[in-house]
């Protein structure tokens, strides 16, 4: 093999290696982005559950107030009858 042929082969190998390194860096960035996306989705889901839980507590408290008001109205009716 001539020196020019060896240099050509080495140049092609270096270019190919650089191409592989670039693709690897791109894959690593995509993986980081995907992991970050998963973390964000889990966080939003957890926040949504927290909001729903808070709404459920408020609904429960509201129901307690409504029940207490109905009971007070029934007692007032009973006292009015007596």
PDB file of N, CA and C in Angstrom:
ATOM      1  N   UNK A   1       0.847  -1.186   0.000  1.00  0.00           N
ATOM      2  CA  UNK A   1       0.000   0.000   0.000  1.00  0.00           C
ATOM      3  C   UNK A   1       0.881   1.234   0.000  1.00  0.00           C
ATOM      4  N   UNK A   2       0.422   2.201  -0.716  1.00  0.00           N
ATOM      5  CA  UNK A   2       1.181   3.446  -0.768  1.00  0.00           C
ATOM      6  C   UNK A   2       0.815   4.312   0.431  1.00  0.00           C
ATOM      7  N   UNK A   3       1.635   5.291   0.655  1.00  0.00           N
ATOM      8  CA  UNK A   3       1.420   6.225   1.765  1.00  0.00           C
ATOM      9  C   UNK A   3       0.117   6.986   1.586  1.00  0.00           C
ATOM     10  N   UNK A   4      -0.209   7.354   0.377  1.00  0.00           N
ATOM     11  CA  UNK A   4      -1.459   8.085   0.094  1.00  0.00           C
ATOM     12  C   UNK A   4      -2.681   7.219   0.409  1.00  0.00           C
ATOM     13  N   UNK A   5      -2.607   5.942   0.079  1.00  0.00           N
ATOM     14  CA  UNK A   5      -3.720   5.031   0.353  1.00  0.00           C
ATOM     15  C   UNK A   5      -3.912   4.855   1.851  1.00  0.00           C
ATOM     16  N   UNK A   6      -2.813   4.738   2.588  1.00  0.00           N
ATOM     17  CA  UNK A   6      -2.881   4.611   4.047  1.00  0.00           C
ATOM     18  C   UNK A   6      -3.468   5.875   4.657  1.00  0.00           C
ATOM     19  N   UNK A   7      -3.015   7.035   4.196  1.00  0.00           N
ATOM     20  CA  UNK A   7      -3.545   8.306   4.711  1.00  0.00           C
ATOM     21  C   UNK A   7      -5.033   8.428   4.412  1.00  0.00           C
ATOM     22  N   UNK A   8      -5.447   7.983   3.242  1.00  0.00           N
ATOM     23  CA  UNK A   8      -6.857   8.026   2.864  1.00  0.00           C
ATOM     24  C   UNK A   8      -7.679   7.126   3.784  1.00  0.00           C
ATOM     25  N   UNK A   9      -7.170   5.916   4.038  1.00  0.00           N
ATOM     26  CA  UNK A   9      -7.881   4.991   4.946  1.00  0.00           C
ATOM     27  C   UNK A   9      -7.964   5.553   6.356  1.00  0.00           C
ATOM     28  N   UNK A  10      -6.873   6.127   6.833  1.00  0.00           N
ATOM     29  CA  UNK A  10      -6.848   6.715   8.174  1.00  0.00           C
ATOM     30  C   UNK A  10      -7.826   7.874   8.246  1.00  0.00           C
ATOM     31  N   UNK A  11      -7.860   8.699   7.222  1.00  0.00           N
ATOM     32  CA  UNK A  11      -8.782   9.851   7.192  1.00  0.00           C
ATOM     33  C   UNK A  11     -10.231   9.368   7.250  1.00  0.00           C
ATOM     34  N   UNK A  12     -10.558   8.333   6.479  1.00  0.00           N
ATOM     35  CA  UNK A  12     -11.918   7.790   6.488  1.00  0.00           C
ATOM     36  C   UNK A  12     -12.269   7.213   7.855  1.00  0.00           C
ATOM     37  N   UNK A  13     -11.320   6.532   8.473  1.00  0.00           N
ATOM     38  CA  UNK A  13     -11.568   5.980   9.814  1.00  0.00           C
ATOM     39  C   UNK A  13     -11.788   7.080  10.839  1.00  0.00           C
ATOM     40  N   UNK A  14     -11.020   8.142  10.753  1.00  0.00           N
ATOM     41  CA  UNK A  14     -11.176   9.277  11.675  1.00  0.00           C
ATOM     42  C   UNK A  14     -12.534   9.925  11.471  1.00  0.00           C
ATOM     43  N   UNK A  15     -12.944  10.109  10.219  1.00  0.00           N
ATOM     44  CA  UNK A  15     -14.261  10.700   9.940  1.00  0.00           C
ATOM     45  C   UNK A  15     -15.380   9.817  10.474  1.00  0.00           C
ATOM     46  N   UNK A  16     -15.218   8.499  10.272  1.00  0.00           N
ATOM     47  CA  UNK A  16     -16.232   7.571  10.753  1.00  0.00           C
ATOM     48  C   UNK A  16     -16.317   7.579  12.278  1.00  0.00           C
ATOM     49  N   UNK A  17     -15.169   7.607  12.927  1.00  0.00           N
ATOM     50  CA  UNK A  17     -15.138   7.673  14.389  1.00  0.00           C
ATOM     51  C   UNK A  17     -15.800   8.955  14.884  1.00  0.00           C
ATOM     52  N   UNK A  18     -15.502  10.071  14.221  1.00  0.00           N
ATOM     53  CA  UNK A  18     -16.123  11.351  14.611  1.00  0.00           C
ATOM     54  C   UNK A  18     -17.635  11.285  14.430  1.00  0.00           C
ATOM     55  N   UNK A  19     -18.075  10.654  13.357  1.00  0.00           N
ATOM     56  CA  UNK A  19     -19.503  10.499  13.102  1.00  0.00           C
ATOM     57  C   UNK A  19     -20.163   9.685  14.214  1.00  0.00           C
ATOM     58  N   UNK A  20     -19.501   8.595  14.613  1.00  0.00           N
ATOM     59  CA  UNK A  20     -20.033   7.773  15.707  1.00  0.00           C
ATOM     60  C   UNK A  20     -20.075   8.553  17.020  1.00  0.00           C
ATOM     61  N   UNK A  21     -19.048   9.329  17.284  1.00  0.00           N
ATOM     62  CA  UNK A  21     -19.019  10.136  18.510  1.00  0.00           C
ATOM     63  C   UNK A  21     -20.133  11.171  18.494  1.00  0.00           C
ATOM     64  N   UNK A  22     -20.362  11.781  17.336  1.00  0.00           N
ATOM     65  CA  UNK A  22     -21.437  12.770  17.226  1.00  0.00           C
ATOM     66  C   UNK A  22     -22.803  12.127  17.467  1.00  0.00           C
ATOM     67  N   UNK A  23     -23.007  10.934  16.882  1.00  0.00           N
ATOM     68  CA  UNK A  23     -24.283  10.233  17.091  1.00  0.00           C
ATOM     69  C   UNK A  23     -24.458   9.831  18.546  1.00  0.00           C
ATOM     70  N   UNK A  24     -23.368   9.417  19.173  1.00  0.00           N
ATOM     71  CA  UNK A  24     -23.438   9.036  20.591  1.00  0.00           C
ATOM     72  C   UNK A  24     -23.804  10.243  21.452  1.00  0.00           C
ATOM     73  N   UNK A  25     -23.210  11.381  21.168  1.00  0.00           N
ATOM     74  CA  UNK A  25     -23.534  12.602  21.919  1.00  0.00           C
ATOM     75  C   UNK A  25     -24.995  12.977  21.711  1.00  0.00           C
ATOM     76  N   UNK A  26     -25.474  12.824  20.487  1.00  0.00           N
ATOM     77  CA  UNK A  26     -26.878  13.122  20.196  1.00  0.00           C
ATOM     78  C   UNK A  26     -27.800  12.173  20.957  1.00  0.00           C
ATOM     79  N   UNK A  27     -27.460  10.883  20.984  1.00  0.00           N
ATOM     80  CA  UNK A  27     -28.267   9.908  21.738  1.00  0.00           C
ATOM     81  C   UNK A  27     -28.286  10.234  23.232  1.00  0.00           C
ATOM     82  N   UNK A  28     -27.141  10.609  23.764  1.00  0.00           N
ATOM     83  CA  UNK A  28     -27.082  10.954  25.193  1.00  0.00           C
ATOM     84  C   UNK A  28     -27.975  12.154  25.486  1.00  0.00           C
ATOM     85  N   UNK A  29     -27.956  13.149  24.612  1.00  0.00           N
ATOM     86  CA  UNK A  29     -28.805  14.329  24.814  1.00  0.00           C
ATOM     87  C   UNK A  29     -30.280  13.947  24.717  1.00  0.00           C
ATOM     88  N   UNK A  30     -30.615  13.091  23.748  1.00  0.00           N
ATOM     89  CA  UNK A  30     -32.007  12.646  23.623  1.00  0.00           C
ATOM     90  C   UNK A  30     -32.439  11.880  24.865  1.00  0.00           C
ATOM     91  N   UNK A  31     -31.565  11.040  25.400  1.00  0.00           N
ATOM     92  CA  UNK A  31     -31.892  10.304  26.623  1.00  0.00           C
ATOM     93  C   UNK A  31     -32.116  11.240  27.794  1.00  0.00           C
ATOM     94  N   UNK A  32     -31.271  12.267  27.893  1.00  0.00           N
ATOM     95  CA  UNK A  32     -31.450  13.251  28.973  1.00  0.00           C
ATOM     96  C   UNK A  32     -32.783  13.962  28.816  1.00  0.00           C
ATOM     97  N   UNK A  33     -33.112  14.341  27.584  1.00  0.00           N
ATOM     98  CA  UNK A  33     -34.382  15.014  27.333  1.00  0.00           C
ATOM     99  C   UNK A  33     -35.563  14.117  27.676  1.00  0.00           C
ATOM    100  N   UNK A  34     -35.455  12.832  27.296  1.00  0.00           N
ATOM    101  CA  UNK A  34     -36.529  11.897  27.611  1.00  0.00           C
ATOM    102  C   UNK A  34     -36.683  11.720  29.113  1.00  0.00           C
ATOM    103  N   UNK A  35     -35.563  11.562  29.818  1.00  0.00           N
ATOM    104  CA  UNK A  35     -35.632  11.415  31.283  1.00  0.00           C
ATOM    105  C   UNK A  35     -36.249  12.651  31.916  1.00  0.00           C
ATOM    106  N   UNK A  36     -35.849  13.827  31.443  1.00  0.00           N
ATOM    107  CA  UNK A  36     -36.396  15.070  31.983  1.00  0.00           C
ATOM    108  C   UNK A  36     -37.903  15.135  31.716  1.00  0.00           C
ATOM    109  N   UNK A  37     -38.306  14.694  30.517  1.00  0.00           N
ATOM    110  CA  UNK A  37     -39.734  14.682  30.188  1.00  0.00           C
ATOM    111  C   UNK A  37     -40.511  13.760  31.099  1.00  0.00           C
ATOM    112  N   UNK A  38     -39.961  12.599  31.400  1.00  0.00           N
ATOM    113  CA  UNK A  38     -40.619  11.644  32.298  1.00  0.00           C
ATOM    114  C   UNK A  38     -40.733  12.247  33.690  1.00  0.00           C
ATOM    115  N   UNK A  39     -39.672  12.861  34.157  1.00  0.00           N
ATOM    116  CA  UNK A  39     -39.686  13.483  35.484  1.00  0.00           C
ATOM    117  C   UNK A  39     -40.751  14.580  35.536  1.00  0.00           C
ATOM    118  N   UNK A  40     -40.828  15.396  34.486  1.00  0.00           N
ATOM    119  CA  UNK A  40     -41.822  16.476  34.449  1.00  0.00           C
ATOM    120  C   UNK A  40     -43.240  15.909  34.423  1.00  0.00           C
ATOM    121  N   UNK A  41     -43.474  14.845  33.639  1.00  0.00           N
ATOM    122  CA  UNK A  41     -44.814  14.245  33.592  1.00  0.00           C
ATOM    123  C   UNK A  41     -45.208  13.686  34.951  1.00  0.00           C
ATOM    124  N   UNK A  42     -44.267  13.025  35.626  1.00  0.00           N
ATOM    125  CA  UNK A  42     -44.555  12.491  36.961  1.00  0.00           C
ATOM    126  C   UNK A  42     -44.868  13.618  37.935  1.00  0.00           C
ATOM    127  N   UNK A  43     -44.115  14.715  37.830  1.00  0.00           N
ATOM    128  CA  UNK A  43     -44.348  15.859  38.721  1.00  0.00           C
ATOM    129  C   UNK A  43     -45.728  16.455  38.466  1.00  0.00           C
ATOM    130  N   UNK A  44     -46.097  16.627  37.181  1.00  0.00           N
ATOM    131  CA  UNK A  44     -47.422  17.177  36.868  1.00  0.00           C
ATOM    132  C   UNK A  44     -48.520  16.244  37.358  1.00  0.00           C
ATOM    133  N   UNK A  45     -48.305  14.930  37.208  1.00  0.00           N
ATOM    134  CA  UNK A  45     -49.300  13.958  37.662  1.00  0.00           C
ATOM    135  C   UNK A  45     -49.459  14.034  39.177  1.00  0.00           C
ATOM    136  N   UNK A  46     -48.337  14.159  39.878  1.00  0.00           N
ATOM    137  CA  UNK A  46     -48.381  14.263  41.343  1.00  0.00           C
ATOM    138  C   UNK A  46     -49.088  15.551  41.753  1.00  0.00           C
ATOM    139  N   UNK A  47     -48.766  16.665  41.062  1.00  0.00           N
ATOM    140  CA  UNK A  47     -49.425  17.937  41.363  1.00  0.00           C
ATOM    141  C   UNK A  47     -50.924  17.837  41.117  1.00  0.00           C
ATOM    142  N   UNK A  48     -51.305  17.143  40.039  1.00  0.00           N
ATOM    143  CA  UNK A  48     -52.722  16.979  39.725  1.00  0.00           C
ATOM    144  C   UNK A  48     -53.416  16.180  40.819  1.00  0.00           C
ATOM    145  N   UNK A  49     -52.750  15.119  41.303  1.00  0.00           N
ATOM    146  CA  UNK A  49     -53.332  14.324  42.390  1.00  0.00           C
ATOM    147  C   UNK A  49     -53.498  15.173  43.630  1.00  0.00           C
ATOM    148  N   UNK A  50     -52.517  16.032  43.915  1.00  0.00           N
ATOM    149  CA  UNK A  50     -52.593  16.900  45.087  1.00  0.00           C
ATOM    150  C   UNK A  50     -53.773  17.847  44.961  1.00  0.00           C
ATOM    151  N   UNK A  51     -53.955  18.421  43.773  1.00  0.00           N
ATOM    152  CA  UNK A  51     -55.075  19.330  43.553  1.00  0.00           C
ATOM    153  C   UNK A  51     -56.390  18.590  43.718  1.00  0.00           C
ATOM    154  N   UNK A  52     -56.479  17.377  43.152  1.00  0.00           N
ATOM    155  CA  UNK A  52     -57.701  16.596  43.290  1.00  0.00           C
ATOM    156  C   UNK A  52     -57.956  16.244  44.746  1.00  0.00           C
ATOM    157  N   UNK A  53     -56.924  15.908  45.491  1.00  0.00           N
ATOM    158  CA  UNK A  53     -57.094  15.587  46.904  1.00  0.00           C
ATOM    159  C   UNK A  53     -57.593  16.801  47.666  1.00  0.00           C
ATOM    160  N   UNK A  54     -57.027  17.962  47.370  1.00  0.00           N
ATOM    161  CA  UNK A  54     -57.457  19.194  48.025  1.00  0.00           C
ATOM    162  C   UNK A  54     -58.907  19.488  47.682  1.00  0.00           C
ATOM    163  N   UNK A  55     -59.281  19.290  46.432  1.00  0.00           N
ATOM    164  CA  UNK A  55     -60.662  19.517  46.017  1.00  0.00           C
ATOM    165  C   UNK A  55     -61.590  18.541  46.733  1.00  0.00           C
ATOM    166  N   UNK A  56     -61.156  17.302  46.891  1.00  0.00           N
ATOM    167  CA  UNK A  56     -61.972  16.311  47.586  1.00  0.00           C
ATOM    168  C   UNK A  56     -62.166  16.706  49.046  1.00  0.00           C
ATOM    169  N   UNK A  57     -61.130  17.225  49.683  1.00  0.00           N
ATOM    170  CA  UNK A  57     -61.236  17.673  51.078  1.00  0.00           C
ATOM    171  C   UNK A  57     -62.208  18.835  51.170  1.00  0.00           C
ATOM    172  N   UNK A  58     -62.082  19.775  50.233  1.00  0.00           N
ATOM    173  CA  UNK A  58     -63.009  20.909  50.243  1.00  0.00           C
ATOM    174  C   UNK A  58     -64.435  20.434  50.016  1.00  0.00           C
ATOM    175  N   UNK A  59     -64.620  19.474  49.140  1.00  0.00           N
ATOM    176  CA  UNK A  59     -65.949  18.939  48.888  1.00  0.00           C
ATOM    177  C   UNK A  59     -66.480  18.248  50.136  1.00  0.00           C
ATOM    178  N   UNK A  60     -65.642  17.503  50.816  1.00  0.00           N
ATOM    179  CA  UNK A  60     -66.056  16.837  52.049  1.00  0.00           C
ATOM    180  C   UNK A  60     -66.450  17.866  53.102  1.00  0.00           C
ATOM    181  N   UNK A  61     -65.653  18.912  53.243  1.00  0.00           N
ATOM    182  CA  UNK A  61     -65.993  19.965  54.205  1.00  0.00           C
ATOM    183  C   UNK A  61     -67.305  20.645  53.822  1.00  0.00           C
ATOM    184  N   UNK A  62     -67.499  20.878  52.531  1.00  0.00           N
ATOM    185  CA  UNK A  62     -68.740  21.501  52.082  1.00  0.00           C
ATOM    186  C   UNK A  62     -69.931  20.591  52.378  1.00  0.00           C
ATOM    187  N   UNK A  63     -69.758  19.298  52.166  1.00  0.00           N
ATOM    188  CA  UNK A  63     -70.840  18.358  52.460  1.00  0.00           C
ATOM    189  C   UNK A  63     -71.163  18.349  53.953  1.00  0.00           C
ATOM    190  N   UNK A  64     -70.164  18.441  54.795  1.00  0.00           N
ATOM    191  CA  UNK A  64     -70.398  18.487  56.239  1.00  0.00           C
ATOM    192  C   UNK A  64     -71.220  19.718  56.606  1.00  0.00           C
ATOM    193  N   UNK A  65     -70.889  20.840  55.980  1.00  0.00           N
ATOM    194  CA  UNK A  65     -71.636  22.079  56.247  1.00  0.00           C
ATOM    195  C   UNK A  65     -73.076  21.930  55.780  1.00  0.00           C
ATOM    196  N   UNK A  66     -73.267  21.346  54.609  1.00  0.00           N
ATOM    197  CA  UNK A  66     -74.629  21.161  54.081  1.00  0.00           C
ATOM    198  C   UNK A  66     -75.437  20.232  54.982  1.00  0.00           C
ATOM    199  N   UNK A  67     -74.813  19.132  55.411  1.00  0.00           N
ATOM    200  CA  UNK A  67     -75.503  18.190  56.308  1.00  0.00           C
ATOM    201  C   UNK A  67     -75.865  18.872  57.622  1.00  0.00           C
ATOM    202  N   UNK A  68     -74.931  19.642  58.163  1.00  0.00           N
ATOM    203  CA  UNK A  68     -75.211  20.357  59.417  1.00  0.00           C
ATOM    204  C   UNK A  68     -76.353  21.340  59.228  1.00  0.00           C
ATOM    205  N   UNK A  69     -76.401  22.026  58.088  1.00  0.00           N
ATOM    206  CA  UNK A  69     -77.479  22.977  57.824  1.00  0.00           C
ATOM    207  C   UNK A  69     -78.814  22.260  57.700  1.00  0.00           C
ATOM    208  N   UNK A  70     -78.847  21.099  57.038  1.00  0.00           N
ATOM    209  CA  UNK A  70     -80.085  20.331  56.906  1.00  0.00           C
ATOM    210  C   UNK A  70     -80.576  19.855  58.270  1.00  0.00           C
ATOM    211  N   UNK A  71     -79.636  19.376  59.085  1.00  0.00           N
ATOM    212  CA  UNK A  71     -80.016  18.914  60.425  1.00  0.00           C
ATOM    213  C   UNK A  71     -80.560  20.063  61.255  1.00  0.00           C
ATOM    214  N   UNK A  72     -79.938  21.234  61.133  1.00  0.00           N
ATOM    215  CA  UNK A  72     -80.423  22.406  61.885  1.00  0.00           C
ATOM    216  C   UNK A  72     -81.814  22.802  61.397  1.00  0.00           C
ATOM    217  N   UNK A  73     -82.043  22.706  60.086  1.00  0.00           N
ATOM    218  CA  UNK A  73     -83.369  23.039  59.545  1.00  0.00           C
ATOM    219  C   UNK A  73     -84.412  22.045  60.040  1.00  0.00           C
ATOM    220  N   UNK A  74     -84.073  20.757  60.095  1.00  0.00           N
ATOM    221  CA  UNK A  74     -85.008  19.743  60.597  1.00  0.00           C
ATOM    222  C   UNK A  74     -85.332  19.970  62.063  1.00  0.00           C
ATOM    223  N   UNK A  75     -84.308  20.314  62.835  1.00  0.00           N
ATOM    224  CA  UNK A  75     -84.544  20.591  64.264  1.00  0.00           C
ATOM    225  C   UNK A  75     -85.433  21.813  64.438  1.00  0.00           C
ATOM    226  N   UNK A  76     -85.221  22.812  63.597  1.00  0.00           N
ATOM    227  CA  UNK A  76     -86.061  24.021  63.676  1.00  0.00           C
ATOM    228  C   UNK A  76     -87.502  23.694  63.330  1.00  0.00           C
ATOM    229  N   UNK A  77     -87.727  22.800  62.341  1.00  0.00           N
ATOM    230  CA  UNK A  77     -89.082  22.387  61.984  1.00  0.00           C
ATOM    231  C   UNK A  77     -89.737  21.646  63.149  1.00  0.00           C
ATOM    232  N   UNK A  78     -88.978  20.750  63.792  1.00  0.00           N
ATOM    233  CA  UNK A  78     -89.508  19.997  64.922  1.00  0.00           C
ATOM    234  C   UNK A  78     -89.896  20.932  66.055  1.00  0.00           C
ATOM    235  N   UNK A  79     -89.052  21.919  66.335  1.00  0.00           N
ATOM    236  CA  UNK A  79     -89.331  22.868  67.414  1.00  0.00           C
ATOM    237  C   UNK A  79     -90.546  23.728  67.045  1.00  0.00           C
ATOM    238  N   UNK A  80     -90.699  24.045  65.785  1.00  0.00           N
ATOM    239  CA  UNK A  80     -91.844  24.860  65.342  1.00  0.00           C
ATOM    240  C   UNK A  80     -93.148  24.070  65.504  1.00  0.00           C
ATOM    241  N   UNK A  81     -93.114  22.766  65.295  1.00  0.00           N
ATOM    242  CA  UNK A  81     -94.290  21.917  65.433  1.00  0.00           C
ATOM    243  C   UNK A  81     -94.708  21.802  66.893  1.00  0.00           C
ATOM    244  N   UNK A  82     -93.746  21.848  67.797  1.00  0.00           N
ATOM    245  CA  UNK A  82     -94.038  21.678  69.230  1.00  0.00           C
ATOM    246  C   UNK A  82     -94.584  22.910  69.799  1.00  0.00           C
TER     247      UNK A  82
END
